[in-house]
């Protein structure tokens, strides 16, 4: 994840119903095989469809962490602009972060999962003394974001998830990181 100062690192403010639903449905399917009173046909089909599509609880967690990371970056860049005006590269890259989150949101929708809401707002992200300080922190965050996607890409993934992760990673590596390094140096 990006390593901006965070309110809480690697934790979600709430349990994610979709992750719990998948886990619960799979558990129910396993523990009640042959019983008539546990899982509706619709729930069983939904869990089976996710498993058949290669979607696991681990991949859902990756998607949730990735989208929260993109939401976090977007809100930090919005905060920088609220404090310093429409300064570059933040004014350009904030739109890329929105696109990255949107590409992840499409995956949630495609797999029948609820798109998580952002945990971030202008009040729970860092405030910087200067644009240069913000650029330096953003460069470090992009390095962490690249590492996050590297970690995810080292695991078996459905092809559509792999493509989105690769695209988001490449944008951070080839565009965002160089821009933040130029402005922070």
C-alpha atoms as a PDB file:
ATOM      1  CA  UNK A   1       0.000   0.000   0.000  1.00  0.00           C
ATOM      2  CA  UNK A   2       1.021   3.580  -0.329  1.00  0.00           C
ATOM      3  CA  UNK A   3       2.881   4.730   2.715  1.00  0.00           C
ATOM      4  CA  UNK A   4       1.369   8.124   3.348  1.00  0.00           C
ATOM      5  CA  UNK A   5       0.685   8.633   7.019  1.00  0.00           C
ATOM      6  CA  UNK A   6      -2.575   6.788   7.548  1.00  0.00           C
ATOM      7  CA  UNK A   7      -5.318   6.746  10.055  1.00  0.00           C
ATOM      8  CA  UNK A   8      -5.046   2.969  10.263  1.00  0.00           C
ATOM      9  CA  UNK A   9      -2.627   0.852   8.247  1.00  0.00           C
ATOM     10  CA  UNK A  10      -3.881  -2.283   6.536  1.00  0.00           C
ATOM     11  CA  UNK A  11      -7.237  -2.256   8.297  1.00  0.00           C
ATOM     12  CA  UNK A  12     -10.657  -1.445   7.040  1.00  0.00           C
ATOM     13  CA  UNK A  13     -12.994   0.708   9.071  1.00  0.00           C
ATOM     14  CA  UNK A  14     -15.721  -1.875   8.607  1.00  0.00           C
ATOM     15  CA  UNK A  15     -16.065  -5.489   7.653  1.00  0.00           C
ATOM     16  CA  UNK A  16     -16.744  -5.927   3.980  1.00  0.00           C
ATOM     17  CA  UNK A  17     -20.072  -7.659   3.464  1.00  0.00           C
ATOM     18  CA  UNK A  18     -19.059  -9.110   0.097  1.00  0.00           C
ATOM     19  CA  UNK A  19     -15.934 -10.753   1.454  1.00  0.00           C
ATOM     20  CA  UNK A  20     -17.903 -12.151   4.354  1.00  0.00           C
ATOM     21  CA  UNK A  21     -20.669 -13.269   2.018  1.00  0.00           C
ATOM     22  CA  UNK A  22     -18.273 -15.177  -0.217  1.00  0.00           C
ATOM     23  CA  UNK A  23     -16.536 -16.751   2.744  1.00  0.00           C
ATOM     24  CA  UNK A  24     -19.844 -17.623   4.392  1.00  0.00           C
ATOM     25  CA  UNK A  25     -21.328 -19.074   1.242  1.00  0.00           C
ATOM     26  CA  UNK A  26     -18.310 -21.238   0.558  1.00  0.00           C
ATOM     27  CA  UNK A  27     -18.250 -22.417   4.174  1.00  0.00           C
ATOM     28  CA  UNK A  28     -21.963 -23.130   4.077  1.00  0.00           C
ATOM     29  CA  UNK A  29     -21.609 -25.056   0.850  1.00  0.00           C
ATOM     30  CA  UNK A  30     -18.838 -27.194   2.284  1.00  0.00           C
ATOM     31  CA  UNK A  31     -20.323 -27.835   5.716  1.00  0.00           C
ATOM     32  CA  UNK A  32     -23.894 -28.436   4.623  1.00  0.00           C
ATOM     33  CA  UNK A  33     -23.396 -30.500   1.498  1.00  0.00           C
ATOM     34  CA  UNK A  34     -26.409 -32.742   1.185  1.00  0.00           C
ATOM     35  CA  UNK A  35     -28.552 -30.760   3.669  1.00  0.00           C
ATOM     36  CA  UNK A  36     -31.728 -29.107   2.498  1.00  0.00           C
ATOM     37  CA  UNK A  37     -31.920 -26.180   4.898  1.00  0.00           C
ATOM     38  CA  UNK A  38     -28.837 -23.958   4.540  1.00  0.00           C
ATOM     39  CA  UNK A  39     -28.062 -22.139   1.294  1.00  0.00           C
ATOM     40  CA  UNK A  40     -30.511 -20.908  -1.276  1.00  0.00           C
ATOM     41  CA  UNK A  41     -29.939 -21.940  -4.884  1.00  0.00           C
ATOM     42  CA  UNK A  42     -29.175 -18.298  -5.736  1.00  0.00           C
ATOM     43  CA  UNK A  43     -26.516 -18.031  -3.013  1.00  0.00           C
ATOM     44  CA  UNK A  44     -25.005 -21.329  -4.024  1.00  0.00           C
ATOM     45  CA  UNK A  45     -24.888 -20.279  -7.682  1.00  0.00           C
ATOM     46  CA  UNK A  46     -23.318 -16.909  -6.797  1.00  0.00           C
ATOM     47  CA  UNK A  47     -20.541 -18.538  -4.758  1.00  0.00           C
ATOM     48  CA  UNK A  48     -19.985 -21.185  -7.427  1.00  0.00           C
ATOM     49  CA  UNK A  49     -19.808 -18.532 -10.154  1.00  0.00           C
ATOM     50  CA  UNK A  50     -17.145 -16.582  -8.250  1.00  0.00           C
ATOM     51  CA  UNK A  51     -15.096 -19.706  -7.622  1.00  0.00           C
ATOM     52  CA  UNK A  52     -15.485 -20.839 -11.237  1.00  0.00           C
ATOM     53  CA  UNK A  53     -14.346 -17.413 -12.431  1.00  0.00           C
ATOM     54  CA  UNK A  54     -11.135 -17.768 -10.403  1.00  0.00           C
ATOM     55  CA  UNK A  55     -12.244 -15.240  -7.789  1.00  0.00           C
ATOM     56  CA  UNK A  56     -11.065 -16.194  -4.335  1.00  0.00           C
ATOM     57  CA  UNK A  57     -11.333 -14.497  -0.977  1.00  0.00           C
ATOM     58  CA  UNK A  58      -7.646 -13.580  -1.338  1.00  0.00           C
ATOM     59  CA  UNK A  59      -8.252 -11.887  -4.699  1.00  0.00           C
ATOM     60  CA  UNK A  60     -11.279 -10.008  -3.362  1.00  0.00           C
ATOM     61  CA  UNK A  61      -9.053  -8.751  -0.512  1.00  0.00           C
ATOM     62  CA  UNK A  62      -6.443  -7.633  -3.073  1.00  0.00           C
ATOM     63  CA  UNK A  63      -9.104  -5.752  -5.022  1.00  0.00           C
ATOM     64  CA  UNK A  64     -10.335  -4.060  -1.854  1.00  0.00           C
ATOM     65  CA  UNK A  65      -6.836  -3.039  -0.775  1.00  0.00           C
ATOM     66  CA  UNK A  66      -6.026  -1.788  -4.278  1.00  0.00           C
ATOM     67  CA  UNK A  67      -9.181   0.326  -4.609  1.00  0.00           C
ATOM     68  CA  UNK A  68      -8.709   1.823  -1.130  1.00  0.00           C
ATOM     69  CA  UNK A  69      -5.113   2.641  -2.073  1.00  0.00           C
ATOM     70  CA  UNK A  70      -6.320   4.455  -5.204  1.00  0.00           C
ATOM     71  CA  UNK A  71      -9.037   6.259  -3.215  1.00  0.00           C
ATOM     72  CA  UNK A  72      -6.420   7.259  -0.639  1.00  0.00           C
ATOM     73  CA  UNK A  73      -4.080   8.718  -3.261  1.00  0.00           C
ATOM     74  CA  UNK A  74      -6.941  10.582  -4.933  1.00  0.00           C
ATOM     75  CA  UNK A  75      -8.017  12.182  -1.671  1.00  0.00           C
ATOM     76  CA  UNK A  76      -4.458  13.145  -0.705  1.00  0.00           C
ATOM     77  CA  UNK A  77      -3.996  14.823  -4.080  1.00  0.00           C
ATOM     78  CA  UNK A  78      -7.344  16.582  -3.624  1.00  0.00           C
ATOM     79  CA  UNK A  79      -6.077  17.753  -0.220  1.00  0.00           C
ATOM     80  CA  UNK A  80      -2.828  19.081  -1.725  1.00  0.00           C
ATOM     81  CA  UNK A  81      -4.873  21.036  -4.288  1.00  0.00           C
ATOM     82  CA  UNK A  82      -7.225  22.316  -1.592  1.00  0.00           C
ATOM     83  CA  UNK A  83      -4.189  23.627   0.293  1.00  0.00           C
ATOM     84  CA  UNK A  84      -2.022  24.872  -2.604  1.00  0.00           C
ATOM     85  CA  UNK A  85      -4.322  25.300  -5.598  1.00  0.00           C
ATOM     86  CA  UNK A  86      -4.343  23.421  -8.896  1.00  0.00           C
ATOM     87  CA  UNK A  87      -0.633  22.563  -8.765  1.00  0.00           C
ATOM     88  CA  UNK A  88       1.039  20.075 -11.038  1.00  0.00           C
ATOM     89  CA  UNK A  89       1.565  17.202 -11.064  1.00  0.00           C
ATOM     90  CA  UNK A  90      -1.272  16.688  -8.561  1.00  0.00           C
ATOM     91  CA  UNK A  91      -3.878  18.314 -10.799  1.00  0.00           C
ATOM     92  CA  UNK A  92      -3.011  15.858 -13.567  1.00  0.00           C
ATOM     93  CA  UNK A  93      -2.421  12.699 -11.585  1.00  0.00           C
ATOM     94  CA  UNK A  94      -5.573  12.985  -9.468  1.00  0.00           C
ATOM     95  CA  UNK A  95      -7.579  12.165 -12.598  1.00  0.00           C
ATOM     96  CA  UNK A  96      -5.429   9.090 -13.217  1.00  0.00           C
ATOM     97  CA  UNK A  97      -6.134   7.903  -9.669  1.00  0.00           C
ATOM     98  CA  UNK A  98      -9.854   8.272 -10.353  1.00  0.00           C
ATOM     99  CA  UNK A  99      -9.437   6.176 -13.529  1.00  0.00           C
ATOM    100  CA  UNK A 100      -7.463   3.539 -11.612  1.00  0.00           C
ATOM    101  CA  UNK A 101     -10.221   3.248  -9.003  1.00  0.00           C
ATOM    102  CA  UNK A 102     -12.824   3.097 -11.775  1.00  0.00           C
ATOM    103  CA  UNK A 103     -11.023   0.231 -13.503  1.00  0.00           C
ATOM    104  CA  UNK A 104     -11.010  -1.657 -10.199  1.00  0.00           C
ATOM    105  CA  UNK A 105     -14.689  -0.800  -9.617  1.00  0.00           C
ATOM    106  CA  UNK A 106     -15.527  -2.383 -12.969  1.00  0.00           C
ATOM    107  CA  UNK A 107     -13.984  -5.634 -11.727  1.00  0.00           C
ATOM    108  CA  UNK A 108     -16.117  -5.569  -8.582  1.00  0.00           C
ATOM    109  CA  UNK A 109     -19.211  -5.077 -10.700  1.00  0.00           C
ATOM    110  CA  UNK A 110     -18.203  -7.743 -13.224  1.00  0.00           C
ATOM    111  CA  UNK A 111     -17.899 -10.303 -10.429  1.00  0.00           C
ATOM    112  CA  UNK A 112     -21.174  -9.275  -8.799  1.00  0.00           C
ATOM    113  CA  UNK A 113     -19.473  -7.648  -5.816  1.00  0.00           C
ATOM    114  CA  UNK A 114     -20.436  -4.368  -4.215  1.00  0.00           C
ATOM    115  CA  UNK A 115     -17.923  -1.611  -4.940  1.00  0.00           C
ATOM    116  CA  UNK A 116     -16.467  -0.487  -1.596  1.00  0.00           C
ATOM    117  CA  UNK A 117     -16.904   3.107  -0.533  1.00  0.00           C
ATOM    118  CA  UNK A 118     -13.798   5.166   0.058  1.00  0.00           C
ATOM    119  CA  UNK A 119     -12.648   5.373   3.654  1.00  0.00           C
ATOM    120  CA  UNK A 120     -10.857   8.622   2.836  1.00  0.00           C
ATOM    121  CA  UNK A 121     -11.870  12.278   2.911  1.00  0.00           C
ATOM    122  CA  UNK A 122     -10.094  15.626   3.138  1.00  0.00           C
ATOM    123  CA  UNK A 123     -10.035  15.419   6.924  1.00  0.00           C
ATOM    124  CA  UNK A 124      -8.318  12.029   7.376  1.00  0.00           C
ATOM    125  CA  UNK A 125      -5.411  12.375   4.951  1.00  0.00           C
ATOM    126  CA  UNK A 126      -2.067  14.086   5.584  1.00  0.00           C
ATOM    127  CA  UNK A 127      -1.464  17.787   5.228  1.00  0.00           C
ATOM    128  CA  UNK A 128       1.916  18.908   3.922  1.00  0.00           C
ATOM    129  CA  UNK A 129       4.004  22.001   4.664  1.00  0.00           C
ATOM    130  CA  UNK A 130       4.822  22.537   0.987  1.00  0.00           C
ATOM    131  CA  UNK A 131       4.177  21.174  -2.489  1.00  0.00           C
ATOM    132  CA  UNK A 132       7.743  19.850  -2.497  1.00  0.00           C
ATOM    133  CA  UNK A 133       7.065  17.871   0.697  1.00  0.00           C
ATOM    134  CA  UNK A 134       3.859  16.507  -0.831  1.00  0.00           C
ATOM    135  CA  UNK A 135       5.746  15.492  -3.991  1.00  0.00           C
ATOM    136  CA  UNK A 136       8.395  13.657  -1.987  1.00  0.00           C
ATOM    137  CA  UNK A 137       5.743  11.766  -0.025  1.00  0.00           C
ATOM    138  CA  UNK A 138       3.824  11.012  -3.227  1.00  0.00           C
ATOM    139  CA  UNK A 139       6.975   9.607  -4.876  1.00  0.00           C
ATOM    140  CA  UNK A 140       7.460   7.250  -1.929  1.00  0.00           C
ATOM    141  CA  UNK A 141       3.792   6.286  -2.095  1.00  0.00           C
ATOM    142  CA  UNK A 142       4.092   5.466  -5.804  1.00  0.00           C
ATOM    143  CA  UNK A 143       7.063   3.214  -5.043  1.00  0.00           C
ATOM    144  CA  UNK A 144       4.958   1.434  -2.426  1.00  0.00           C
ATOM    145  CA  UNK A 145       2.034   1.215  -4.884  1.00  0.00           C
ATOM    146  CA  UNK A 146       4.276  -0.420  -7.488  1.00  0.00           C
ATOM    147  CA  UNK A 147       5.481  -2.911  -4.873  1.00  0.00           C
ATOM    148  CA  UNK A 148       1.872  -3.654  -3.898  1.00  0.00           C
ATOM    149  CA  UNK A 149       0.947  -4.480  -7.475  1.00  0.00           C
ATOM    150  CA  UNK A 150       4.178  -6.497  -7.890  1.00  0.00           C
ATOM    151  CA  UNK A 151       3.124  -8.603  -4.910  1.00  0.00           C
ATOM    152  CA  UNK A 152      -0.361  -9.133  -6.322  1.00  0.00           C
ATOM    153  CA  UNK A 153       0.926  -9.956  -9.801  1.00  0.00           C
ATOM    154  CA  UNK A 154       3.096 -12.739  -8.363  1.00  0.00           C
ATOM    155  CA  UNK A 155      -0.074 -14.701  -7.544  1.00  0.00           C
ATOM    156  CA  UNK A 156      -2.455 -16.551  -9.865  1.00  0.00           C
ATOM    157  CA  UNK A 157      -5.156 -14.096 -10.978  1.00  0.00           C
ATOM    158  CA  UNK A 158      -8.070 -14.069 -13.390  1.00  0.00           C
ATOM    159  CA  UNK A 159      -6.871 -12.477 -16.637  1.00  0.00           C
ATOM    160  CA  UNK A 160      -9.066  -9.365 -16.326  1.00  0.00           C
ATOM    161  CA  UNK A 161      -7.778  -8.699 -12.799  1.00  0.00           C
ATOM    162  CA  UNK A 162      -4.183  -9.201 -13.964  1.00  0.00           C
ATOM    163  CA  UNK A 163      -4.642  -6.692 -16.798  1.00  0.00           C
ATOM    164  CA  UNK A 164      -6.041  -3.990 -14.492  1.00  0.00           C
ATOM    165  CA  UNK A 165      -3.289  -4.531 -11.923  1.00  0.00           C
ATOM    166  CA  UNK A 166      -0.617  -4.385 -14.651  1.00  0.00           C
ATOM    167  CA  UNK A 167      -2.083  -1.198 -16.167  1.00  0.00           C
ATOM    168  CA  UNK A 168      -2.326   0.567 -12.796  1.00  0.00           C
ATOM    169  CA  UNK A 169       1.226  -0.516 -11.925  1.00  0.00           C
ATOM    170  CA  UNK A 170       2.672   0.697 -15.218  1.00  0.00           C
ATOM    171  CA  UNK A 171       1.014   4.099 -14.866  1.00  0.00           C
ATOM    172  CA  UNK A 172       2.552   4.482 -11.408  1.00  0.00           C
ATOM    173  CA  UNK A 173       5.978   3.376 -12.625  1.00  0.00           C
ATOM    174  CA  UNK A 174       6.151   5.182 -15.963  1.00  0.00           C
ATOM    175  CA  UNK A 175       4.137   8.351 -15.315  1.00  0.00           C
ATOM    176  CA  UNK A 176       3.342   9.146 -11.689  1.00  0.00           C
ATOM    177  CA  UNK A 177       6.673   8.304 -10.061  1.00  0.00           C
ATOM    178  CA  UNK A 178       8.791  10.319 -12.535  1.00  0.00           C
ATOM    179  CA  UNK A 179       6.436  13.318 -12.232  1.00  0.00           C
ATOM    180  CA  UNK A 180       6.581  13.315  -8.424  1.00  0.00           C
ATOM    181  CA  UNK A 181      10.347  12.861  -8.444  1.00  0.00           C
ATOM    182  CA  UNK A 182      10.729  15.896 -10.716  1.00  0.00           C
ATOM    183  CA  UNK A 183       8.610  18.133  -8.505  1.00  0.00           C
ATOM    184  CA  UNK A 184       9.984  16.865  -5.195  1.00  0.00           C
ATOM    185  CA  UNK A 185      13.644  17.074  -6.044  1.00  0.00           C
END
